[in-house]
Amino acid sequence: MPFVYILQCSDHTLYTGYALDLTKRIEQHNRGIASKYTRSRLPVECVYMEEQATVGEALKREIEIKKLTRIQKLDLINSAK
């Protein structure tokens, strides 16, 4: 199943992405091989995730989340706790 996720970086910025294997993807981020953005902001921590039915739905949701303001993303994160 594909996942959409939000990471909190060491500088407290947020990064949104999608993955088929969430555990593996977070490990890649923390090894510095997943994205240029997170590479210089290690370590990262997964603070939010959503399971999606298809990759297409995950990509669509990723775009929706990326359009949110930081406050809206934090509200989304907090609503899942």
PDB file of N, CA and C in Angstrom:
ATOM      1  N   MET A   1       0.830  -1.188   0.000  1.00  0.00           N
ATOM      2  CA  MET A   1       0.000   0.000   0.000  1.00  0.00           C
ATOM      3  C   MET A   1       0.876   1.254   0.000  1.00  0.00           C
ATOM      4  N   PRO A   2       0.515   2.236  -0.784  1.00  0.00           N
ATOM      5  CA  PRO A   2       1.261   3.494  -0.765  1.00  0.00           C
ATOM      6  C   PRO A   2       0.869   4.358   0.438  1.00  0.00           C
ATOM      7  N   PHE A   3       1.819   5.149   0.879  1.00  0.00           N
ATOM      8  CA  PHE A   3       1.633   6.047   2.012  1.00  0.00           C
ATOM      9  C   PHE A   3       2.012   7.468   1.619  1.00  0.00           C
ATOM     10  N   VAL A   4       1.336   8.428   2.206  1.00  0.00           N
ATOM     11  CA  VAL A   4       1.752   9.819   2.177  1.00  0.00           C
ATOM     12  C   VAL A   4       2.254  10.103   3.586  1.00  0.00           C
ATOM     13  N   TYR A   5       3.345  10.840   3.691  1.00  0.00           N
ATOM     14  CA  TYR A   5       3.924  11.060   5.013  1.00  0.00           C
ATOM     15  C   TYR A   5       4.444  12.482   5.140  1.00  0.00           C
ATOM     16  N   ILE A   6       4.557  12.922   6.380  1.00  0.00           N
ATOM     17  CA  ILE A   6       5.187  14.192   6.699  1.00  0.00           C
ATOM     18  C   ILE A   6       6.319  13.891   7.670  1.00  0.00           C
ATOM     19  N   LEU A   7       7.489  14.419   7.336  1.00  0.00           N
ATOM     20  CA  LEU A   7       8.652  14.290   8.202  1.00  0.00           C
ATOM     21  C   LEU A   7       8.925  15.625   8.871  1.00  0.00           C
ATOM     22  N   GLN A   8       9.385  15.553  10.106  1.00  0.00           N
ATOM     23  CA  GLN A   8       9.909  16.753  10.750  1.00  0.00           C
ATOM     24  C   GLN A   8      11.420  16.640  10.714  1.00  0.00           C
ATOM     25  N   CYS A   9      12.064  17.633  10.150  1.00  0.00           N
ATOM     26  CA  CYS A   9      13.514  17.635  10.033  1.00  0.00           C
ATOM     27  C   CYS A   9      14.133  18.201  11.315  1.00  0.00           C
ATOM     28  N   SER A  10      15.449  18.057  11.428  1.00  0.00           N
ATOM     29  CA  SER A  10      16.136  18.515  12.638  1.00  0.00           C
ATOM     30  C   SER A  10      16.024  20.021  12.847  1.00  0.00           C
ATOM     31  N   ASP A  11      15.796  20.777  11.765  1.00  0.00           N
ATOM     32  CA  ASP A  11      15.618  22.228  11.890  1.00  0.00           C
ATOM     33  C   ASP A  11      14.146  22.609  12.064  1.00  0.00           C
ATOM     34  N   HIS A  12      13.304  21.599  12.306  1.00  0.00           N
ATOM     35  CA  HIS A  12      11.867  21.748  12.564  1.00  0.00           C
ATOM     36  C   HIS A  12      11.044  22.125  11.326  1.00  0.00           C
ATOM     37  N   THR A  13      11.652  22.045  10.151  1.00  0.00           N
ATOM     38  CA  THR A  13      10.868  22.208   8.931  1.00  0.00           C
ATOM     39  C   THR A  13      10.148  20.899   8.650  1.00  0.00           C
ATOM     40  N   LEU A  14       9.152  20.974   7.775  1.00  0.00           N
ATOM     41  CA  LEU A  14       8.352  19.795   7.443  1.00  0.00           C
ATOM     42  C   LEU A  14       8.577  19.419   5.983  1.00  0.00           C
ATOM     43  N   TYR A  15       8.630  18.129   5.725  1.00  0.00           N
ATOM     44  CA  TYR A  15       8.818  17.599   4.379  1.00  0.00           C
ATOM     45  C   TYR A  15       7.706  16.586   4.119  1.00  0.00           C
ATOM     46  N   THR A  16       7.053  16.687   2.978  1.00  0.00           N
ATOM     47  CA  THR A  16       5.970  15.777   2.614  1.00  0.00           C
ATOM     48  C   THR A  16       6.382  14.932   1.420  1.00  0.00           C
ATOM     49  N   GLY A  17       6.074  13.645   1.481  1.00  0.00           N
ATOM     50  CA  GLY A  17       6.377  12.752   0.373  1.00  0.00           C
ATOM     51  C   GLY A  17       5.433  11.567   0.355  1.00  0.00           C
ATOM     52  N   TYR A  18       5.703  10.633  -0.570  1.00  0.00           N
ATOM     53  CA  TYR A  18       4.923   9.402  -0.613  1.00  0.00           C
ATOM     54  C   TYR A  18       5.894   8.242  -0.798  1.00  0.00           C
ATOM     55  N   ALA A  19       5.453   7.059  -0.405  1.00  0.00           N
ATOM     56  CA  ALA A  19       6.306   5.878  -0.509  1.00  0.00           C
ATOM     57  C   ALA A  19       5.454   4.620  -0.513  1.00  0.00           C
ATOM     58  N   LEU A  20       5.975   3.593  -1.139  1.00  0.00           N
ATOM     59  CA  LEU A  20       5.329   2.283  -1.097  1.00  0.00           C
ATOM     60  C   LEU A  20       5.749   1.527   0.156  1.00  0.00           C
ATOM     61  N   ASP A  21       6.992   1.693   0.562  1.00  0.00           N
ATOM     62  CA  ASP A  21       7.525   1.073   1.779  1.00  0.00           C
ATOM     63  C   ASP A  21       7.984   2.203   2.689  1.00  0.00           C
ATOM     64  N   LEU A  22       7.133   2.595   3.603  1.00  0.00           N
ATOM     65  CA  LEU A  22       7.388   3.768   4.440  1.00  0.00           C
ATOM     66  C   LEU A  22       8.628   3.606   5.312  1.00  0.00           C
ATOM     67  N   THR A  23       8.787   2.466   5.929  1.00  0.00           N
ATOM     68  CA  THR A  23       9.949   2.236   6.798  1.00  0.00           C
ATOM     69  C   THR A  23      11.244   2.387   6.013  1.00  0.00           C
ATOM     70  N   LYS A  24      11.294   1.769   4.857  1.00  0.00           N
ATOM     71  CA  LYS A  24      12.495   1.850   4.009  1.00  0.00           C
ATOM     72  C   LYS A  24      12.757   3.286   3.575  1.00  0.00           C
ATOM     73  N   ARG A  25      11.701   4.001   3.227  1.00  0.00           N
ATOM     74  CA  ARG A  25      11.861   5.377   2.753  1.00  0.00           C
ATOM     75  C   ARG A  25      12.388   6.284   3.850  1.00  0.00           C
ATOM     76  N   ILE A  26      11.898   6.126   5.067  1.00  0.00           N
ATOM     77  CA  ILE A  26      12.391   6.944   6.176  1.00  0.00           C
ATOM     78  C   ILE A  26      13.853   6.623   6.450  1.00  0.00           C
ATOM     79  N   GLU A  27      14.219   5.357   6.363  1.00  0.00           N
ATOM     80  CA  GLU A  27      15.627   4.968   6.519  1.00  0.00           C
ATOM     81  C   GLU A  27      16.484   5.637   5.445  1.00  0.00           C
ATOM     82  N   GLN A  28      15.981   5.674   4.207  1.00  0.00           N
ATOM     83  CA  GLN A  28      16.716   6.332   3.124  1.00  0.00           C
ATOM     84  C   GLN A  28      16.886   7.822   3.422  1.00  0.00           C
ATOM     85  N   HIS A  29      15.837   8.450   3.906  1.00  0.00           N
ATOM     86  CA  HIS A  29      15.955   9.872   4.270  1.00  0.00           C
ATOM     87  C   HIS A  29      17.048  10.051   5.318  1.00  0.00           C
ATOM     88  N   ASN A  30      17.046   9.224   6.338  1.00  0.00           N
ATOM     89  CA  ASN A  30      18.018   9.379   7.423  1.00  0.00           C
ATOM     90  C   ASN A  30      19.433   8.990   7.032  1.00  0.00           C
ATOM     91  N   ARG A  31      19.587   8.264   5.935  1.00  0.00           N
ATOM     92  CA  ARG A  31      20.927   7.979   5.403  1.00  0.00           C
ATOM     93  C   ARG A  31      21.377   9.050   4.410  1.00  0.00           C
ATOM     94  N   GLY A  32      20.495   9.989   4.116  1.00  0.00           N
ATOM     95  CA  GLY A  32      20.834  11.083   3.228  1.00  0.00           C
ATOM     96  C   GLY A  32      20.743  10.766   1.755  1.00  0.00           C
ATOM     97  N   ILE A  33      19.990   9.707   1.394  1.00  0.00           N
ATOM     98  CA  ILE A  33      19.917   9.311  -0.012  1.00  0.00           C
ATOM     99  C   ILE A  33      18.507   9.425  -0.601  1.00  0.00           C
ATOM    100  N   ALA A  34      17.588  10.033   0.107  1.00  0.00           N
ATOM    101  CA  ALA A  34      16.199  10.079  -0.374  1.00  0.00           C
ATOM    102  C   ALA A  34      15.836  11.408  -1.022  1.00  0.00           C
ATOM    103  N   SER A  35      16.324  12.511  -0.497  1.00  0.00           N
ATOM    104  CA  SER A  35      15.967  13.806  -1.078  1.00  0.00           C
ATOM    105  C   SER A  35      17.034  14.840  -0.725  1.00  0.00           C
ATOM    106  N   LYS A  36      17.223  15.775  -1.634  1.00  0.00           N
ATOM    107  CA  LYS A  36      18.182  16.855  -1.387  1.00  0.00           C
ATOM    108  C   LYS A  36      17.751  17.688  -0.186  1.00  0.00           C
ATOM    109  N   TYR A  37      16.448  17.897  -0.073  1.00  0.00           N
ATOM    110  CA  TYR A  37      15.938  18.748   0.997  1.00  0.00           C
ATOM    111  C   TYR A  37      16.280  18.170   2.371  1.00  0.00           C
ATOM    112  N   THR A  38      16.010  16.899   2.582  1.00  0.00           N
ATOM    113  CA  THR A  38      16.226  16.328   3.915  1.00  0.00           C
ATOM    114  C   THR A  38      17.696  16.012   4.186  1.00  0.00           C
ATOM    115  N   ARG A  39      18.479  15.864   3.151  1.00  0.00           N
ATOM    116  CA  ARG A  39      19.886  15.475   3.314  1.00  0.00           C
ATOM    117  C   ARG A  39      20.647  16.387   4.264  1.00  0.00           C
ATOM    118  N   SER A  40      20.380  17.688   4.192  1.00  0.00           N
ATOM    119  CA  SER A  40      21.100  18.643   5.044  1.00  0.00           C
ATOM    120  C   SER A  40      20.342  18.966   6.323  1.00  0.00           C
ATOM    121  N   ARG A  41      19.268  18.226   6.587  1.00  0.00           N
ATOM    122  CA  ARG A  41      18.435  18.502   7.763  1.00  0.00           C
ATOM    123  C   ARG A  41      18.219  17.246   8.606  1.00  0.00           C
ATOM    124  N   LEU A  42      19.210  16.402   8.670  1.00  0.00           N
ATOM    125  CA  LEU A  42      19.097  15.122   9.381  1.00  0.00           C
ATOM    126  C   LEU A  42      19.327  15.309  10.861  1.00  0.00           C
ATOM    127  N   PRO A  43      18.753  14.446  11.671  1.00  0.00           N
ATOM    128  CA  PRO A  43      17.857  13.348  11.315  1.00  0.00           C
ATOM    129  C   PRO A  43      16.426  13.856  11.103  1.00  0.00           C
ATOM    130  N   VAL A  44      15.646  12.993  10.476  1.00  0.00           N
ATOM    131  CA  VAL A  44      14.232  13.295  10.270  1.00  0.00           C
ATOM    132  C   VAL A  44      13.395  12.298  11.059  1.00  0.00           C
ATOM    133  N   GLU A  45      12.179  12.722  11.378  1.00  0.00           N
ATOM    134  CA  GLU A  45      11.257  11.869  12.125  1.00  0.00           C
ATOM    135  C   GLU A  45       9.898  11.912  11.435  1.00  0.00           C
ATOM    136  N   CYS A  46       9.293  10.768  11.245  1.00  0.00           N
ATOM    137  CA  CYS A  46       7.965  10.719  10.652  1.00  0.00           C
ATOM    138  C   CYS A  46       6.952  11.146  11.714  1.00  0.00           C
ATOM    139  N   VAL A  47       6.226  12.224  11.412  1.00  0.00           N
ATOM    140  CA  VAL A  47       5.256  12.757  12.376  1.00  0.00           C
ATOM    141  C   VAL A  47       3.816  12.567  11.912  1.00  0.00           C
ATOM    142  N   TYR A  48       3.645  12.110  10.660  1.00  0.00           N
ATOM    143  CA  TYR A  48       2.303  11.900  10.128  1.00  0.00           C
ATOM    144  C   TYR A  48       2.363  10.959   8.942  1.00  0.00           C
ATOM    145  N   MET A  49       1.335  10.105   8.822  1.00  0.00           N
ATOM    146  CA  MET A  49       1.237   9.250   7.646  1.00  0.00           C
ATOM    147  C   MET A  49      -0.217   8.923   7.380  1.00  0.00           C
ATOM    148  N   GLU A  50      -0.497   8.705   6.104  1.00  0.00           N
ATOM    149  CA  GLU A  50      -1.822   8.278   5.655  1.00  0.00           C
ATOM    150  C   GLU A  50      -1.618   7.144   4.663  1.00  0.00           C
ATOM    151  N   GLU A  51      -2.358   6.084   4.824  1.00  0.00           N
ATOM    152  CA  GLU A  51      -2.336   4.994   3.848  1.00  0.00           C
ATOM    153  C   GLU A  51      -3.334   5.325   2.744  1.00  0.00           C
ATOM    154  N   GLN A  52      -2.954   5.084   1.508  1.00  0.00           N
ATOM    155  CA  GLN A  52      -3.810   5.345   0.354  1.00  0.00           C
ATOM    156  C   GLN A  52      -4.034   4.046  -0.416  1.00  0.00           C
ATOM    157  N   ALA A  53      -5.098   3.984  -1.195  1.00  0.00           N
ATOM    158  CA  ALA A  53      -5.441   2.769  -1.930  1.00  0.00           C
ATOM    159  C   ALA A  53      -4.565   2.552  -3.156  1.00  0.00           C
ATOM    160  N   THR A  54      -4.167   3.651  -3.812  1.00  0.00           N
ATOM    161  CA  THR A  54      -3.361   3.536  -5.026  1.00  0.00           C
ATOM    162  C   THR A  54      -2.241   4.575  -5.006  1.00  0.00           C
ATOM    163  N   VAL A  55      -1.255   4.366  -5.861  1.00  0.00           N
ATOM    164  CA  VAL A  55      -0.170   5.342  -5.992  1.00  0.00           C
ATOM    165  C   VAL A  55      -0.733   6.671  -6.486  1.00  0.00           C
ATOM    166  N   GLY A  56      -1.683   6.616  -7.415  1.00  0.00           N
ATOM    167  CA  GLY A  56      -2.297   7.839  -7.920  1.00  0.00           C
ATOM    168  C   GLY A  56      -2.956   8.651  -6.821  1.00  0.00           C
ATOM    169  N   GLU A  57      -3.660   7.983  -5.930  1.00  0.00           N
ATOM    170  CA  GLU A  57      -4.298   8.674  -4.810  1.00  0.00           C
ATOM    171  C   GLU A  57      -3.247   9.242  -3.858  1.00  0.00           C
ATOM    172  N   ALA A  58      -2.153   8.503  -3.658  1.00  0.00           N
ATOM    173  CA  ALA A  58      -1.085   8.990  -2.789  1.00  0.00           C
ATOM    174  C   ALA A  58      -0.442  10.245  -3.371  1.00  0.00           C
ATOM    175  N   LEU A  59      -0.202  10.244  -4.669  1.00  0.00           N
ATOM    176  CA  LEU A  59       0.388  11.415  -5.316  1.00  0.00           C
ATOM    177  C   LEU A  59      -0.543  12.619  -5.232  1.00  0.00           C
ATOM    178  N   LYS A  60      -1.825  12.378  -5.445  1.00  0.00           N
ATOM    179  CA  LYS A  60      -2.813  13.457  -5.357  1.00  0.00           C
ATOM    180  C   LYS A  60      -2.853  14.033  -3.944  1.00  0.00           C
ATOM    181  N   ARG A  61      -2.853  13.169  -2.951  1.00  0.00           N
ATOM    182  CA  ARG A  61      -2.895  13.625  -1.557  1.00  0.00           C
ATOM    183  C   ARG A  61      -1.598  14.345  -1.178  1.00  0.00           C
ATOM    184  N   GLU A  62      -0.474  13.863  -1.680  1.00  0.00           N
ATOM    185  CA  GLU A  62       0.806  14.532  -1.420  1.00  0.00           C
ATOM    186  C   GLU A  62       0.743  15.985  -1.910  1.00  0.00           C
ATOM    187  N   ILE A  63       0.233  16.179  -3.103  1.00  0.00           N
ATOM    188  CA  ILE A  63       0.109  17.534  -3.659  1.00  0.00           C
ATOM    189  C   ILE A  63      -0.815  18.387  -2.790  1.00  0.00           C
ATOM    190  N   GLU A  64      -1.934  17.805  -2.348  1.00  0.00           N
ATOM    191  CA  GLU A  64      -2.868  18.544  -1.485  1.00  0.00           C
ATOM    192  C   GLU A  64      -2.178  19.003  -0.202  1.00  0.00           C
ATOM    193  N   ILE A  65      -1.430  18.095   0.415  1.00  0.00           N
ATOM    194  CA  ILE A  65      -0.751  18.426   1.676  1.00  0.00           C
ATOM    195  C   ILE A  65       0.326  19.476   1.442  1.00  0.00           C
ATOM    196  N   LYS A  66       1.064  19.368   0.354  1.00  0.00           N
ATOM    197  CA  LYS A  66       2.122  20.337   0.071  1.00  0.00           C
ATOM    198  C   LYS A  66       1.569  21.746  -0.121  1.00  0.00           C
ATOM    199  N   LYS A  67       0.319  21.865  -0.529  1.00  0.00           N
ATOM    200  CA  LYS A  67      -0.301  23.181  -0.715  1.00  0.00           C
ATOM    201  C   LYS A  67      -0.757  23.804   0.605  1.00  0.00           C
ATOM    202  N   LEU A  68      -0.803  23.032   1.669  1.00  0.00           N
ATOM    203  CA  LEU A  68      -1.230  23.543   2.967  1.00  0.00           C
ATOM    204  C   LEU A  68      -0.171  24.467   3.551  1.00  0.00           C
ATOM    205  N   THR A  69      -0.606  25.390   4.374  1.00  0.00           N
ATOM    206  CA  THR A  69       0.342  26.223   5.108  1.00  0.00           C
ATOM    207  C   THR A  69       0.981  25.381   6.206  1.00  0.00           C
ATOM    208  N   ARG A  70       2.040  25.891   6.783  1.00  0.00           N
ATOM    209  CA  ARG A  70       2.691  25.177   7.887  1.00  0.00           C
ATOM    210  C   ARG A  70       1.708  24.960   9.038  1.00  0.00           C
ATOM    211  N   ILE A  71       0.923  25.976   9.359  1.00  0.00           N
ATOM    212  CA  ILE A  71      -0.059  25.862  10.446  1.00  0.00           C
ATOM    213  C   ILE A  71      -1.059  24.754  10.135  1.00  0.00           C
ATOM    214  N   GLN A  72      -1.542  24.702   8.917  1.00  0.00           N
ATOM    215  CA  GLN A  72      -2.495  23.663   8.521  1.00  0.00           C
ATOM    216  C   GLN A  72      -1.859  22.275   8.604  1.00  0.00           C
ATOM    217  N   LYS A  73      -0.592  22.171   8.217  1.00  0.00           N
ATOM    218  CA  LYS A  73       0.102  20.878   8.317  1.00  0.00           C
ATOM    219  C   LYS A  73       0.242  20.471   9.780  1.00  0.00           C
ATOM    220  N   LEU A  74       0.575  21.413  10.635  1.00  0.00           N
ATOM    221  CA  LEU A  74       0.699  21.098  12.062  1.00  0.00           C
ATOM    222  C   LEU A  74      -0.648  20.687  12.640  1.00  0.00           C
ATOM    223  N   ASP A  75      -1.717  21.341  12.212  1.00  0.00           N
ATOM    224  CA  ASP A  75      -3.061  20.946  12.649  1.00  0.00           C
ATOM    225  C   ASP A  75      -3.375  19.512  12.200  1.00  0.00           C
ATOM    226  N   LEU A  76      -3.011  19.189  10.965  1.00  0.00           N
ATOM    227  CA  LEU A  76      -3.218  17.826  10.442  1.00  0.00           C
ATOM    228  C   LEU A  76      -2.439  16.807  11.275  1.00  0.00           C
ATOM    229  N   ILE A  77      -1.203  17.122  11.568  1.00  0.00           N
ATOM    230  CA  ILE A  77      -0.354  16.243  12.385  1.00  0.00           C
ATOM    231  C   ILE A  77      -0.978  16.043  13.764  1.00  0.00           C
ATOM    232  N   ASN A  78      -1.381  17.151  14.378  1.00  0.00           N
ATOM    233  CA  ASN A  78      -1.956  17.078  15.731  1.00  0.00           C
ATOM    234  C   ASN A  78      -3.296  16.369  15.769  1.00  0.00           C
ATOM    235  N   SER A  79      -4.049  16.453  14.682  1.00  0.00           N
ATOM    236  CA  SER A  79      -5.358  15.782  14.648  1.00  0.00           C
ATOM    237  C   SER A  79      -5.222  14.266  14.601  1.00  0.00           C
ATOM    238  N   ALA A  80      -4.083  13.786  14.200  1.00  0.00           N
ATOM    239  CA  ALA A  80      -3.866  12.337  14.098  1.00  0.00           C
ATOM    240  C   ALA A  80      -3.343  11.744  15.408  1.00  0.00           C
ATOM    241  N   LYS A  81      -3.009  12.570  16.366  1.00  0.00           N
ATOM    242  CA  LYS A  81      -2.439  12.068  17.622  1.00  0.00           C
ATOM    243  C   LYS A  81      -3.518  11.645  18.581  1.00  0.00           C
TER     244      LYS A  81
END
